[in-house]
Amino acid sequence: SVACGGGGGASNNPVAPGDPPPPPSQASANATYRVTFDATWSALTHPDGIPANPHFSPLVGATHAADTRFWEMGVTASDGIKAMAEEGKTTPLDAEIDAAIGQGTAESLLLGGGVPVSPDTVRIEFTTSLDHSHVTLVSMLAPSPDWFVGVSALPLLEDGDWAQLIEVELFAYDAGTDGGKNYTAANKPLVPREPIERAEGAPFVVDGELRAVGSFTFRRIG
């Protein structure tokens, strides 16, 4: 009777049809993405005081661990985010990212082109891994006091596998480092810095509607 003793092993407890499946683990170790930045900001979309040369600064960002942040809503901007949002510089944000890479909390520094005249499109590609499955990417809206677009810690894994396609509408953010209220306002440094927030007033509200200035499309290509 040993063979039919009540061992309660897994073979005696098959998963019932109504039970949830075990956590999926089909994700490959790495994935490669192409990001398309479609800048739509123009005199047609945002006529309120639009500058003569609307453009976006070079893209800068990182692939990183889930709990790593280089910027987020409600938190004051780092020196790197300040320089990016006010002057379109990729430094010292690149150094902040390199420091995180050195600590193992980020994997890759992402650098891409800007948009010389908006509307236009720019693309970059990157490869990431399971331990660094989130992406942060930003660009300055220029000219502006301290306004920028981007994503912060966007997860690329969905339901245990790499997402095939993610589309993100881009609204302007205020970095909280300059108090200017229009595109070409004189420098008005904010000391101390204010928390980053979405810019939900003029010149981004048109006919009572907050309008996006572009989009990011993340498409898996490998």
N, C-alpha and C. Protein backbone atom coordinates (compact mmCIF):
# COMPACT_ATOMS: atom_id res chain seq x y z
N SER A 1 0.83 -1.21 0.00
CA SER A 1 0.00 0.00 0.00
C SER A 1 0.85 1.25 0.00
N VAL A 2 2.16 1.08 -0.08
CA VAL A 2 3.03 2.25 -0.07
C VAL A 2 2.75 3.14 -1.26
N ALA A 3 2.54 2.54 -2.44
CA ALA A 3 2.37 3.31 -3.67
C ALA A 3 1.16 4.22 -3.61
N CYS A 4 0.15 3.81 -2.85
CA CYS A 4 -1.04 4.65 -2.83
C CYS A 4 -1.19 5.36 -1.50
N GLY A 5 -0.08 5.54 -0.79
CA GLY A 5 -0.14 6.30 0.44
C GLY A 5 -0.48 7.75 0.16
N GLY A 6 -1.08 8.43 1.11
CA GLY A 6 -1.54 9.81 0.90
C GLY A 6 -0.40 10.81 0.94
N GLY A 7 0.43 10.80 -0.08
CA GLY A 7 1.56 11.72 -0.10
C GLY A 7 1.18 13.15 -0.43
N GLY A 8 0.04 13.31 -1.12
CA GLY A 8 -0.38 14.67 -1.48
C GLY A 8 0.58 15.34 -2.44
N GLY A 9 1.26 14.59 -3.29
CA GLY A 9 2.21 15.17 -4.22
C GLY A 9 1.51 15.95 -5.31
N ALA A 10 2.32 16.69 -6.08
CA ALA A 10 1.76 17.53 -7.14
C ALA A 10 1.00 16.69 -8.16
N SER A 11 1.45 15.44 -8.39
CA SER A 11 0.79 14.62 -9.40
C SER A 11 -0.63 14.28 -9.01
N ASN A 12 -0.94 14.37 -7.72
CA ASN A 12 -2.29 14.08 -7.26
C ASN A 12 -3.17 15.34 -7.24
N ASN A 13 -2.57 16.50 -7.56
CA ASN A 13 -3.31 17.76 -7.51
C ASN A 13 -3.12 18.54 -8.81
N PRO A 14 -3.68 18.04 -9.88
CA PRO A 14 -3.55 18.78 -11.14
C PRO A 14 -4.23 20.14 -11.03
N VAL A 15 -3.73 21.09 -11.80
CA VAL A 15 -4.32 22.43 -11.78
C VAL A 15 -5.73 22.36 -12.33
N ALA A 16 -6.70 22.81 -11.56
CA ALA A 16 -8.08 22.81 -12.02
C ALA A 16 -8.25 23.84 -13.14
N PRO A 17 -9.21 23.60 -14.03
CA PRO A 17 -9.39 24.52 -15.17
C PRO A 17 -9.60 25.96 -14.75
N GLY A 18 -10.21 26.19 -13.60
CA GLY A 18 -10.51 27.55 -13.20
C GLY A 18 -9.36 28.27 -12.51
N ASP A 19 -8.29 27.56 -12.20
CA ASP A 19 -7.18 28.19 -11.50
C ASP A 19 -6.37 29.07 -12.44
N PRO A 20 -5.80 30.16 -11.91
CA PRO A 20 -4.94 30.98 -12.77
C PRO A 20 -3.69 30.21 -13.17
N PRO A 21 -3.18 30.46 -14.36
CA PRO A 21 -1.97 29.77 -14.78
C PRO A 21 -0.79 30.23 -13.94
N PRO A 22 0.27 29.45 -13.89
CA PRO A 22 1.45 29.90 -13.16
C PRO A 22 2.03 31.15 -13.83
N PRO A 23 2.80 31.94 -13.09
CA PRO A 23 3.37 33.17 -13.67
C PRO A 23 4.13 32.85 -14.96
N PRO A 24 3.86 33.59 -16.03
CA PRO A 24 4.54 33.31 -17.30
C PRO A 24 6.03 33.63 -17.21
N SER A 25 6.82 32.88 -17.91
CA SER A 25 8.26 33.11 -17.89
C SER A 25 8.82 32.98 -19.30
N GLN A 26 8.02 33.46 -20.28
CA GLN A 26 8.41 33.26 -21.67
C GLN A 26 9.35 34.34 -22.19
N ALA A 27 9.62 35.36 -21.36
CA ALA A 27 10.43 36.47 -21.85
C ALA A 27 11.87 36.02 -22.10
N SER A 28 12.39 36.40 -23.26
CA SER A 28 13.80 36.13 -23.55
C SER A 28 14.67 37.05 -22.70
N ALA A 29 15.95 36.71 -22.61
CA ALA A 29 16.85 37.45 -21.73
C ALA A 29 17.00 38.91 -22.15
N ASN A 30 16.93 39.16 -23.45
CA ASN A 30 17.12 40.52 -23.96
C ASN A 30 16.04 40.85 -24.98
N ALA A 31 15.85 42.15 -25.19
CA ALA A 31 14.93 42.61 -26.22
C ALA A 31 15.48 43.91 -26.81
N THR A 32 15.24 44.08 -28.10
CA THR A 32 15.69 45.29 -28.79
C THR A 32 14.47 46.08 -29.25
N TYR A 33 14.52 47.38 -29.03
CA TYR A 33 13.41 48.27 -29.38
C TYR A 33 13.87 49.41 -30.29
N ARG A 34 12.96 49.81 -31.14
CA ARG A 34 13.13 51.06 -31.89
C ARG A 34 12.11 52.05 -31.34
N VAL A 35 12.60 53.21 -30.92
CA VAL A 35 11.72 54.27 -30.43
C VAL A 35 11.57 55.32 -31.52
N THR A 36 10.34 55.63 -31.87
CA THR A 36 10.06 56.71 -32.80
C THR A 36 9.46 57.88 -32.03
N PHE A 37 10.14 59.01 -32.10
CA PHE A 37 9.65 60.25 -31.49
C PHE A 37 9.00 61.07 -32.60
N ASP A 38 7.67 61.11 -32.58
CA ASP A 38 6.92 61.93 -33.53
C ASP A 38 6.59 63.25 -32.86
N ALA A 39 7.32 64.29 -33.20
CA ALA A 39 7.05 65.63 -32.66
C ALA A 39 5.96 66.28 -33.50
N THR A 40 4.86 66.66 -32.85
CA THR A 40 3.74 67.27 -33.57
C THR A 40 3.56 68.74 -33.22
N TRP A 41 4.29 69.22 -32.23
CA TRP A 41 4.19 70.60 -31.75
C TRP A 41 4.43 71.58 -32.90
N SER A 42 3.47 72.49 -33.13
CA SER A 42 3.60 73.44 -34.24
C SER A 42 2.62 74.58 -34.03
N ALA A 43 2.66 75.55 -34.94
CA ALA A 43 1.72 76.67 -34.87
C ALA A 43 0.29 76.20 -35.08
N LEU A 44 0.11 75.06 -35.74
CA LEU A 44 -1.24 74.54 -35.95
C LEU A 44 -1.80 73.93 -34.67
N THR A 45 -0.96 73.22 -33.92
CA THR A 45 -1.44 72.55 -32.71
C THR A 45 -1.44 73.47 -31.50
N HIS A 46 -0.47 74.38 -31.44
CA HIS A 46 -0.30 75.26 -30.27
C HIS A 46 -0.03 76.69 -30.72
N PRO A 47 -1.05 77.39 -31.21
CA PRO A 47 -0.83 78.73 -31.78
C PRO A 47 -0.49 79.82 -30.77
N ASP A 48 -0.70 79.57 -29.47
CA ASP A 48 -0.52 80.60 -28.45
C ASP A 48 0.97 80.92 -28.25
N GLY A 49 1.44 81.98 -28.91
CA GLY A 49 2.81 82.44 -28.71
C GLY A 49 3.88 81.49 -29.22
N ILE A 50 3.53 80.63 -30.17
CA ILE A 50 4.50 79.64 -30.67
C ILE A 50 5.76 80.35 -31.18
N PRO A 51 6.95 79.86 -30.79
CA PRO A 51 8.18 80.50 -31.26
C PRO A 51 8.39 80.25 -32.75
N ALA A 52 9.27 81.03 -33.35
CA ALA A 52 9.52 80.91 -34.79
C ALA A 52 10.26 79.63 -35.13
N ASN A 53 10.97 79.06 -34.15
CA ASN A 53 11.81 77.89 -34.41
C ASN A 53 11.54 76.77 -33.42
N PRO A 54 10.31 76.24 -33.38
CA PRO A 54 10.03 75.17 -32.42
C PRO A 54 10.86 73.93 -32.71
N HIS A 55 11.57 73.44 -31.68
CA HIS A 55 12.43 72.26 -31.89
C HIS A 55 12.56 71.49 -30.59
N PHE A 56 13.18 70.32 -30.66
CA PHE A 56 13.41 69.49 -29.49
C PHE A 56 14.89 69.14 -29.41
N SER A 57 15.41 69.10 -28.18
CA SER A 57 16.82 68.80 -27.97
C SER A 57 17.10 67.32 -28.16
N PRO A 58 18.40 66.94 -28.25
CA PRO A 58 18.74 65.52 -28.40
C PRO A 58 18.14 64.65 -27.29
N LEU A 59 17.67 63.48 -27.69
CA LEU A 59 17.12 62.54 -26.73
C LEU A 59 18.22 62.01 -25.81
N VAL A 60 17.87 61.86 -24.54
CA VAL A 60 18.80 61.28 -23.57
C VAL A 60 18.00 60.48 -22.57
N GLY A 61 18.54 59.33 -22.16
CA GLY A 61 17.82 58.49 -21.21
C GLY A 61 18.61 57.26 -20.86
N ALA A 62 17.90 56.24 -20.36
CA ALA A 62 18.56 55.05 -19.86
C ALA A 62 17.60 53.87 -19.86
N THR A 63 18.17 52.67 -19.94
CA THR A 63 17.46 51.47 -19.54
C THR A 63 17.92 51.15 -18.12
N HIS A 64 16.97 50.71 -17.28
CA HIS A 64 17.32 50.61 -15.86
C HIS A 64 16.38 49.67 -15.12
N ALA A 65 16.72 49.44 -13.85
CA ALA A 65 15.91 48.57 -12.99
C ALA A 65 14.58 49.25 -12.65
N ALA A 66 13.63 48.41 -12.20
CA ALA A 66 12.27 48.88 -11.98
C ALA A 66 12.17 49.99 -10.94
N ASP A 67 13.02 49.97 -9.92
CA ASP A 67 12.88 50.94 -8.84
C ASP A 67 13.83 52.14 -8.98
N THR A 68 14.46 52.28 -10.12
CA THR A 68 15.36 53.40 -10.36
C THR A 68 14.59 54.57 -10.99
N ARG A 69 14.89 55.79 -10.55
CA ARG A 69 14.24 56.97 -11.11
C ARG A 69 15.29 58.05 -11.39
N PHE A 70 15.19 58.63 -12.59
CA PHE A 70 16.02 59.80 -12.92
C PHE A 70 15.20 61.08 -12.88
N TRP A 71 13.88 60.93 -12.96
CA TRP A 71 12.96 62.04 -12.71
C TRP A 71 11.58 61.44 -12.48
N GLU A 72 10.74 62.18 -11.77
CA GLU A 72 9.35 61.77 -11.64
C GLU A 72 8.51 62.95 -11.17
N MET A 73 7.22 62.86 -11.46
CA MET A 73 6.27 63.88 -11.06
C MET A 73 6.31 64.05 -9.54
N GLY A 74 6.24 65.30 -9.08
CA GLY A 74 6.16 65.56 -7.66
C GLY A 74 7.49 65.57 -6.94
N VAL A 75 8.58 65.35 -7.69
CA VAL A 75 9.92 65.33 -7.11
C VAL A 75 10.74 66.43 -7.78
N THR A 76 11.63 67.09 -7.04
CA THR A 76 12.43 68.15 -7.65
C THR A 76 13.45 67.57 -8.62
N ALA A 77 13.75 68.35 -9.64
CA ALA A 77 14.64 67.91 -10.71
C ALA A 77 16.09 67.83 -10.24
N SER A 78 16.80 66.83 -10.76
CA SER A 78 18.24 66.75 -10.55
C SER A 78 18.93 67.82 -11.38
N ASP A 79 20.23 68.00 -11.15
CA ASP A 79 21.00 68.93 -11.98
C ASP A 79 20.95 68.51 -13.45
N GLY A 80 20.95 67.21 -13.69
CA GLY A 80 20.90 66.72 -15.07
C GLY A 80 19.59 67.03 -15.75
N ILE A 81 18.49 66.85 -15.05
CA ILE A 81 17.18 67.18 -15.62
C ILE A 81 17.07 68.69 -15.81
N LYS A 82 17.58 69.47 -14.87
CA LYS A 82 17.56 70.94 -14.99
C LYS A 82 18.29 71.39 -16.26
N ALA A 83 19.49 70.88 -16.49
CA ALA A 83 20.27 71.30 -17.66
C ALA A 83 19.60 70.84 -18.96
N MET A 84 18.99 69.65 -18.93
CA MET A 84 18.27 69.17 -20.11
C MET A 84 17.06 70.05 -20.39
N ALA A 85 16.25 70.34 -19.36
CA ALA A 85 15.00 71.05 -19.55
C ALA A 85 15.19 72.53 -19.86
N GLU A 86 16.28 73.13 -19.35
CA GLU A 86 16.51 74.56 -19.56
C GLU A 86 17.35 74.84 -20.80
N GLU A 87 18.33 73.96 -21.07
CA GLU A 87 19.30 74.26 -22.12
C GLU A 87 19.42 73.16 -23.18
N GLY A 88 18.69 72.07 -23.01
CA GLY A 88 18.76 70.99 -23.98
C GLY A 88 20.04 70.18 -23.91
N LYS A 89 20.75 70.26 -22.79
CA LYS A 89 22.03 69.57 -22.67
C LYS A 89 21.83 68.12 -22.23
N THR A 90 22.67 67.23 -22.73
CA THR A 90 22.64 65.84 -22.29
C THR A 90 23.54 65.60 -21.08
N THR A 91 24.35 66.62 -20.74
CA THR A 91 25.23 66.58 -19.57
C THR A 91 24.73 67.60 -18.54
N PRO A 92 24.67 67.29 -17.26
CA PRO A 92 25.23 66.11 -16.57
C PRO A 92 24.26 64.94 -16.38
N LEU A 93 23.12 64.95 -17.09
CA LEU A 93 22.21 63.80 -16.95
C LEU A 93 22.92 62.50 -17.35
N ASP A 94 23.76 62.58 -18.38
CA ASP A 94 24.49 61.38 -18.79
C ASP A 94 25.41 60.87 -17.67
N ALA A 95 25.99 61.81 -16.91
CA ALA A 95 26.85 61.41 -15.79
C ALA A 95 26.04 60.78 -14.66
N GLU A 96 24.82 61.29 -14.43
CA GLU A 96 23.94 60.69 -13.42
C GLU A 96 23.57 59.26 -13.83
N ILE A 97 23.34 59.07 -15.12
CA ILE A 97 23.02 57.73 -15.63
C ILE A 97 24.24 56.82 -15.55
N ASP A 98 25.40 57.34 -15.93
CA ASP A 98 26.63 56.54 -15.83
C ASP A 98 26.89 56.09 -14.40
N ALA A 99 26.60 56.96 -13.43
CA ALA A 99 26.78 56.59 -12.02
C ALA A 99 25.85 55.43 -11.65
N ALA A 100 24.61 55.48 -12.15
CA ALA A 100 23.67 54.39 -11.87
C ALA A 100 24.12 53.09 -12.55
N ILE A 101 24.70 53.21 -13.75
CA ILE A 101 25.24 52.02 -14.42
C ILE A 101 26.35 51.42 -13.57
N GLY A 102 27.20 52.27 -13.02
CA GLY A 102 28.28 51.80 -12.17
C GLY A 102 27.79 51.09 -10.92
N GLN A 103 26.60 51.49 -10.45
CA GLN A 103 26.01 50.87 -9.26
C GLN A 103 25.17 49.64 -9.61
N GLY A 104 25.00 49.38 -10.90
CA GLY A 104 24.21 48.23 -11.32
C GLY A 104 22.72 48.47 -11.39
N THR A 105 22.27 49.71 -11.13
CA THR A 105 20.83 50.00 -11.17
C THR A 105 20.35 50.47 -12.54
N ALA A 106 21.28 50.73 -13.44
CA ALA A 106 20.95 51.05 -14.83
C ALA A 106 21.88 50.24 -15.72
N GLU A 107 21.47 50.05 -16.98
CA GLU A 107 22.26 49.22 -17.88
C GLU A 107 22.90 49.99 -19.02
N SER A 108 22.11 50.87 -19.65
CA SER A 108 22.63 51.56 -20.84
C SER A 108 22.24 53.03 -20.83
N LEU A 109 23.17 53.86 -21.28
CA LEU A 109 22.89 55.27 -21.56
C LEU A 109 22.34 55.38 -22.97
N LEU A 110 21.20 56.04 -23.13
CA LEU A 110 20.60 56.23 -24.44
C LEU A 110 20.80 57.66 -24.89
N LEU A 111 21.36 57.83 -26.07
CA LEU A 111 21.56 59.15 -26.67
C LEU A 111 21.05 59.11 -28.10
N GLY A 112 20.25 60.11 -28.47
CA GLY A 112 19.71 60.15 -29.82
C GLY A 112 19.66 61.56 -30.33
N GLY A 113 19.24 61.71 -31.56
CA GLY A 113 19.14 63.02 -32.17
C GLY A 113 17.97 63.82 -31.63
N GLY A 114 17.97 65.09 -31.93
CA GLY A 114 16.84 65.95 -31.61
C GLY A 114 15.98 66.15 -32.84
N VAL A 115 15.03 67.07 -32.72
CA VAL A 115 14.17 67.45 -33.84
C VAL A 115 14.50 68.89 -34.18
N PRO A 116 15.25 69.14 -35.28
CA PRO A 116 15.71 70.50 -35.59
C PRO A 116 14.58 71.49 -35.79
N VAL A 117 13.50 71.05 -36.43
CA VAL A 117 12.31 71.88 -36.60
C VAL A 117 11.10 70.97 -36.42
N SER A 118 10.25 71.31 -35.45
CA SER A 118 9.03 70.53 -35.23
C SER A 118 7.90 71.10 -36.09
N PRO A 119 7.07 70.24 -36.71
CA PRO A 119 6.98 68.79 -36.54
C PRO A 119 8.00 68.02 -37.39
N ASP A 120 8.46 66.90 -36.82
CA ASP A 120 9.37 65.99 -37.52
C ASP A 120 9.48 64.73 -36.67
N THR A 121 10.30 63.80 -37.13
CA THR A 121 10.43 62.51 -36.48
C THR A 121 11.89 62.15 -36.32
N VAL A 122 12.21 61.51 -35.19
CA VAL A 122 13.56 60.99 -34.96
C VAL A 122 13.43 59.62 -34.31
N ARG A 123 14.40 58.74 -34.56
CA ARG A 123 14.34 57.37 -34.03
C ARG A 123 15.67 57.00 -33.38
N ILE A 124 15.57 56.16 -32.36
CA ILE A 124 16.76 55.54 -31.79
C ILE A 124 16.43 54.07 -31.50
N GLU A 125 17.47 53.26 -31.36
CA GLU A 125 17.29 51.85 -31.03
C GLU A 125 18.13 51.51 -29.80
N PHE A 126 17.64 50.54 -29.02
CA PHE A 126 18.40 50.11 -27.86
C PHE A 126 18.03 48.66 -27.53
N THR A 127 18.93 48.00 -26.82
CA THR A 127 18.70 46.64 -26.34
C THR A 127 18.73 46.66 -24.82
N THR A 128 17.82 45.93 -24.21
CA THR A 128 17.75 45.89 -22.76
C THR A 128 17.57 44.46 -22.27
N SER A 129 17.58 44.26 -20.95
CA SER A 129 17.56 42.92 -20.38
C SER A 129 16.51 42.82 -19.27
N LEU A 130 16.27 41.60 -18.80
CA LEU A 130 15.23 41.37 -17.81
C LEU A 130 15.47 42.14 -16.51
N ASP A 131 16.73 42.29 -16.11
CA ASP A 131 17.01 43.00 -14.86
C ASP A 131 16.91 44.52 -15.02
N HIS A 132 16.86 44.98 -16.26
CA HIS A 132 16.80 46.43 -16.53
C HIS A 132 15.72 46.66 -17.59
N SER A 133 14.48 46.33 -17.20
CA SER A 133 13.37 46.27 -18.17
C SER A 133 12.55 47.55 -18.23
N HIS A 134 13.07 48.65 -17.66
CA HIS A 134 12.37 49.93 -17.68
C HIS A 134 13.21 50.95 -18.44
N VAL A 135 12.52 51.92 -19.03
CA VAL A 135 13.22 52.92 -19.84
C VAL A 135 12.78 54.32 -19.44
N THR A 136 13.74 55.23 -19.38
CA THR A 136 13.51 56.65 -19.17
C THR A 136 14.10 57.38 -20.37
N LEU A 137 13.35 58.35 -20.91
CA LEU A 137 13.81 59.07 -22.10
C LEU A 137 13.19 60.46 -22.08
N VAL A 138 14.02 61.48 -22.32
CA VAL A 138 13.55 62.87 -22.24
C VAL A 138 14.14 63.73 -23.36
N SER A 139 13.45 64.86 -23.62
CA SER A 139 13.92 65.85 -24.59
C SER A 139 13.32 67.20 -24.21
N MET A 140 14.11 68.26 -24.36
CA MET A 140 13.63 69.62 -24.07
C MET A 140 12.76 70.15 -25.19
N LEU A 141 11.68 70.80 -24.82
CA LEU A 141 10.85 71.59 -25.74
C LEU A 141 11.55 72.94 -25.86
N ALA A 142 11.99 73.30 -27.06
CA ALA A 142 12.83 74.49 -27.18
C ALA A 142 12.35 75.42 -28.30
N PRO A 143 12.44 76.73 -28.09
CA PRO A 143 12.86 77.37 -26.83
C PRO A 143 11.76 77.30 -25.78
N SER A 144 12.18 77.23 -24.52
CA SER A 144 11.24 77.29 -23.40
C SER A 144 12.03 77.55 -22.12
N PRO A 145 11.34 77.95 -21.05
CA PRO A 145 12.06 78.18 -19.78
C PRO A 145 12.67 76.88 -19.23
N ASP A 146 11.82 75.85 -19.07
CA ASP A 146 12.28 74.58 -18.49
C ASP A 146 11.25 73.48 -18.78
N TRP A 147 10.76 73.45 -20.00
CA TRP A 147 9.70 72.51 -20.37
C TRP A 147 10.30 71.36 -21.17
N PHE A 148 9.78 70.17 -20.91
CA PHE A 148 10.34 68.99 -21.58
C PHE A 148 9.27 67.92 -21.75
N VAL A 149 9.61 66.93 -22.54
CA VAL A 149 8.74 65.76 -22.72
C VAL A 149 9.52 64.52 -22.33
N GLY A 150 8.79 63.44 -22.05
CA GLY A 150 9.51 62.21 -21.78
C GLY A 150 8.68 61.18 -21.05
N VAL A 151 9.34 60.05 -20.80
CA VAL A 151 8.78 58.99 -19.97
C VAL A 151 9.76 58.71 -18.84
N SER A 152 9.21 58.28 -17.71
CA SER A 152 10.01 57.95 -16.53
C SER A 152 9.70 56.53 -16.11
N ALA A 153 10.71 55.66 -16.16
CA ALA A 153 10.57 54.27 -15.71
C ALA A 153 9.38 53.58 -16.38
N LEU A 154 9.31 53.69 -17.70
CA LEU A 154 8.27 53.00 -18.47
C LEU A 154 8.60 51.51 -18.53
N PRO A 155 7.70 50.63 -18.05
CA PRO A 155 7.99 49.18 -18.09
C PRO A 155 7.83 48.63 -19.50
N LEU A 156 8.81 47.83 -19.92
CA LEU A 156 8.76 47.20 -21.24
C LEU A 156 8.26 45.76 -21.17
N LEU A 157 8.15 45.23 -19.95
CA LEU A 157 7.57 43.90 -19.77
C LEU A 157 6.08 44.03 -19.46
N GLU A 158 5.27 43.23 -20.16
CA GLU A 158 3.83 43.21 -19.92
C GLU A 158 3.40 41.76 -19.77
N ASP A 159 2.81 41.42 -18.63
CA ASP A 159 2.33 40.04 -18.39
C ASP A 159 3.44 39.02 -18.59
N GLY A 160 4.65 39.37 -18.15
CA GLY A 160 5.74 38.41 -18.18
C GLY A 160 6.48 38.28 -19.49
N ASP A 161 6.12 39.08 -20.49
CA ASP A 161 6.85 39.03 -21.75
C ASP A 161 7.11 40.45 -22.24
N TRP A 162 8.08 40.58 -23.14
CA TRP A 162 8.40 41.89 -23.68
C TRP A 162 7.24 42.42 -24.51
N ALA A 163 6.88 43.67 -24.28
CA ALA A 163 5.82 44.30 -25.06
C ALA A 163 6.25 44.42 -26.51
N GLN A 164 5.32 44.18 -27.41
CA GLN A 164 5.61 44.32 -28.84
C GLN A 164 5.48 45.78 -29.29
N LEU A 165 4.54 46.52 -28.68
CA LEU A 165 4.29 47.89 -29.11
C LEU A 165 3.73 48.69 -27.94
N ILE A 166 4.36 49.81 -27.65
CA ILE A 166 3.86 50.73 -26.63
C ILE A 166 3.84 52.13 -27.23
N GLU A 167 2.68 52.78 -27.15
CA GLU A 167 2.56 54.15 -27.65
C GLU A 167 2.24 55.08 -26.48
N VAL A 168 2.97 56.18 -26.40
CA VAL A 168 2.82 57.12 -25.29
C VAL A 168 2.58 58.52 -25.85
N GLU A 169 1.45 59.11 -25.51
CA GLU A 169 1.22 60.51 -25.85
C GLU A 169 2.11 61.38 -24.99
N LEU A 170 2.74 62.36 -25.57
CA LEU A 170 3.68 63.21 -24.84
C LEU A 170 3.07 64.59 -24.58
N PHE A 171 2.91 64.90 -23.30
CA PHE A 171 2.49 66.23 -22.88
C PHE A 171 3.70 66.93 -22.26
N ALA A 172 3.68 68.24 -22.27
CA ALA A 172 4.82 68.99 -21.73
C ALA A 172 4.84 68.90 -20.21
N TYR A 173 6.05 68.78 -19.67
CA TYR A 173 6.28 68.86 -18.23
C TYR A 173 7.05 70.14 -17.91
N ASP A 174 6.81 70.67 -16.72
CA ASP A 174 7.54 71.83 -16.20
C ASP A 174 8.54 71.29 -15.18
N ALA A 175 9.82 71.54 -15.41
CA ALA A 175 10.86 70.98 -14.54
C ALA A 175 10.92 71.65 -13.17
N GLY A 176 10.25 72.82 -13.03
CA GLY A 176 10.24 73.48 -11.73
C GLY A 176 11.54 74.18 -11.37
N THR A 177 12.36 74.46 -12.38
CA THR A 177 13.66 75.09 -12.13
C THR A 177 13.72 76.54 -12.63
N ASP A 178 12.71 76.95 -13.42
CA ASP A 178 12.67 78.30 -13.97
C ASP A 178 11.22 78.76 -13.97
N GLY A 179 11.01 80.00 -13.55
CA GLY A 179 9.64 80.50 -13.38
C GLY A 179 9.04 81.15 -14.61
N GLY A 180 9.71 81.09 -15.76
CA GLY A 180 9.17 81.71 -16.97
C GLY A 180 7.84 81.12 -17.37
N LYS A 181 6.95 81.96 -17.93
CA LYS A 181 5.60 81.53 -18.25
C LYS A 181 5.31 81.43 -19.75
N ASN A 182 6.28 81.83 -20.58
CA ASN A 182 6.08 81.65 -22.01
C ASN A 182 7.37 81.16 -22.65
N TYR A 183 7.30 80.78 -23.93
CA TYR A 183 8.41 80.10 -24.58
C TYR A 183 9.73 80.87 -24.49
N THR A 184 9.66 82.18 -24.64
CA THR A 184 10.90 82.97 -24.73
C THR A 184 11.09 83.89 -23.53
N ALA A 185 10.52 83.52 -22.38
CA ALA A 185 10.66 84.33 -21.17
C ALA A 185 12.13 84.42 -20.76
N ALA A 186 12.48 85.56 -20.15
CA ALA A 186 13.83 85.72 -19.61
C ALA A 186 14.04 84.72 -18.49
N ASN A 187 15.30 84.37 -18.26
CA ASN A 187 15.63 83.42 -17.18
C ASN A 187 15.11 83.92 -15.84
N LYS A 188 14.46 83.02 -15.11
CA LYS A 188 13.93 83.35 -13.80
C LYS A 188 14.13 82.13 -12.90
N PRO A 189 15.38 81.90 -12.46
CA PRO A 189 15.68 80.69 -11.69
C PRO A 189 14.80 80.56 -10.45
N LEU A 190 14.31 79.37 -10.21
CA LEU A 190 13.52 79.08 -9.02
C LEU A 190 14.43 78.46 -7.96
N VAL A 191 14.59 79.18 -6.84
CA VAL A 191 15.40 78.70 -5.73
C VAL A 191 14.56 78.82 -4.46
N PRO A 192 14.21 77.72 -3.79
CA PRO A 192 14.55 76.35 -4.20
C PRO A 192 13.73 75.89 -5.40
N ARG A 193 14.13 74.79 -5.98
CA ARG A 193 13.40 74.22 -7.10
C ARG A 193 12.03 73.72 -6.65
N GLU A 194 11.08 73.78 -7.58
CA GLU A 194 9.74 73.26 -7.30
C GLU A 194 9.61 71.86 -7.89
N PRO A 195 8.67 71.05 -7.41
CA PRO A 195 8.52 69.69 -7.94
C PRO A 195 8.15 69.71 -9.43
N ILE A 196 8.61 68.70 -10.14
CA ILE A 196 8.23 68.53 -11.54
C ILE A 196 6.73 68.28 -11.62
N GLU A 197 6.09 68.96 -12.55
CA GLU A 197 4.66 68.75 -12.75
C GLU A 197 4.32 68.85 -14.23
N ARG A 198 3.16 68.32 -14.58
CA ARG A 198 2.73 68.46 -15.96
C ARG A 198 2.30 69.90 -16.20
N ALA A 199 2.68 70.47 -17.33
CA ALA A 199 2.30 71.84 -17.67
C ALA A 199 0.87 71.84 -18.19
N GLU A 200 -0.05 72.30 -17.35
CA GLU A 200 -1.46 72.17 -17.69
C GLU A 200 -2.15 73.52 -17.90
N GLY A 201 -1.35 74.56 -18.16
CA GLY A 201 -1.92 75.87 -18.46
C GLY A 201 -1.44 76.34 -19.83
N ALA A 202 -1.53 77.66 -20.06
CA ALA A 202 -1.02 78.23 -21.30
C ALA A 202 0.49 77.98 -21.37
N PRO A 203 1.04 77.76 -22.56
CA PRO A 203 0.41 77.77 -23.89
C PRO A 203 -0.01 76.38 -24.38
N PHE A 204 -0.17 75.42 -23.46
CA PHE A 204 -0.46 74.05 -23.89
C PHE A 204 -1.94 73.71 -23.90
N VAL A 205 -2.75 74.61 -23.32
CA VAL A 205 -4.21 74.45 -23.40
C VAL A 205 -4.72 75.28 -24.55
N VAL A 206 -5.39 74.63 -25.49
CA VAL A 206 -5.92 75.30 -26.68
C VAL A 206 -7.42 74.98 -26.76
N ASP A 207 -8.23 76.02 -26.78
CA ASP A 207 -9.69 75.84 -26.81
C ASP A 207 -10.16 74.95 -25.66
N GLY A 208 -9.55 75.17 -24.49
CA GLY A 208 -9.95 74.44 -23.31
C GLY A 208 -9.43 73.02 -23.22
N GLU A 209 -8.58 72.63 -24.15
CA GLU A 209 -8.08 71.24 -24.20
C GLU A 209 -6.57 71.21 -24.05
N LEU A 210 -6.09 70.37 -23.13
CA LEU A 210 -4.65 70.18 -22.99
C LEU A 210 -4.18 69.32 -24.15
N ARG A 211 -3.29 69.86 -24.95
CA ARG A 211 -2.87 69.17 -26.18
C ARG A 211 -1.47 68.58 -26.06
N ALA A 212 -1.34 67.37 -26.56
CA ALA A 212 -0.03 66.71 -26.61
C ALA A 212 0.86 67.42 -27.62
N VAL A 213 2.18 67.27 -27.43
CA VAL A 213 3.14 67.89 -28.35
C VAL A 213 3.88 66.84 -29.17
N GLY A 214 3.49 65.57 -28.99
CA GLY A 214 4.13 64.50 -29.76
C GLY A 214 3.82 63.15 -29.16
N SER A 215 4.56 62.13 -29.59
CA SER A 215 4.38 60.78 -29.06
C SER A 215 5.68 60.00 -29.18
N PHE A 216 5.82 59.03 -28.29
CA PHE A 216 6.86 58.00 -28.39
C PHE A 216 6.18 56.69 -28.77
N THR A 217 6.74 55.99 -29.73
CA THR A 217 6.28 54.64 -30.05
C THR A 217 7.45 53.70 -29.88
N PHE A 218 7.31 52.76 -28.95
CA PHE A 218 8.34 51.74 -28.69
C PHE A 218 7.90 50.46 -29.40
N ARG A 219 8.67 50.03 -30.40
CA ARG A 219 8.33 48.84 -31.17
C ARG A 219 9.45 47.81 -31.01
N ARG A 220 9.10 46.61 -30.59
CA ARG A 220 10.11 45.58 -30.44
C ARG A 220 10.56 45.09 -31.82
N ILE A 221 11.87 45.07 -32.03
CA ILE A 221 12.40 44.65 -33.32
C ILE A 221 13.34 43.46 -33.16
N GLY A 222 13.56 42.99 -31.93
CA GLY A 222 14.45 41.86 -31.73
C GLY A 222 14.43 41.35 -30.30
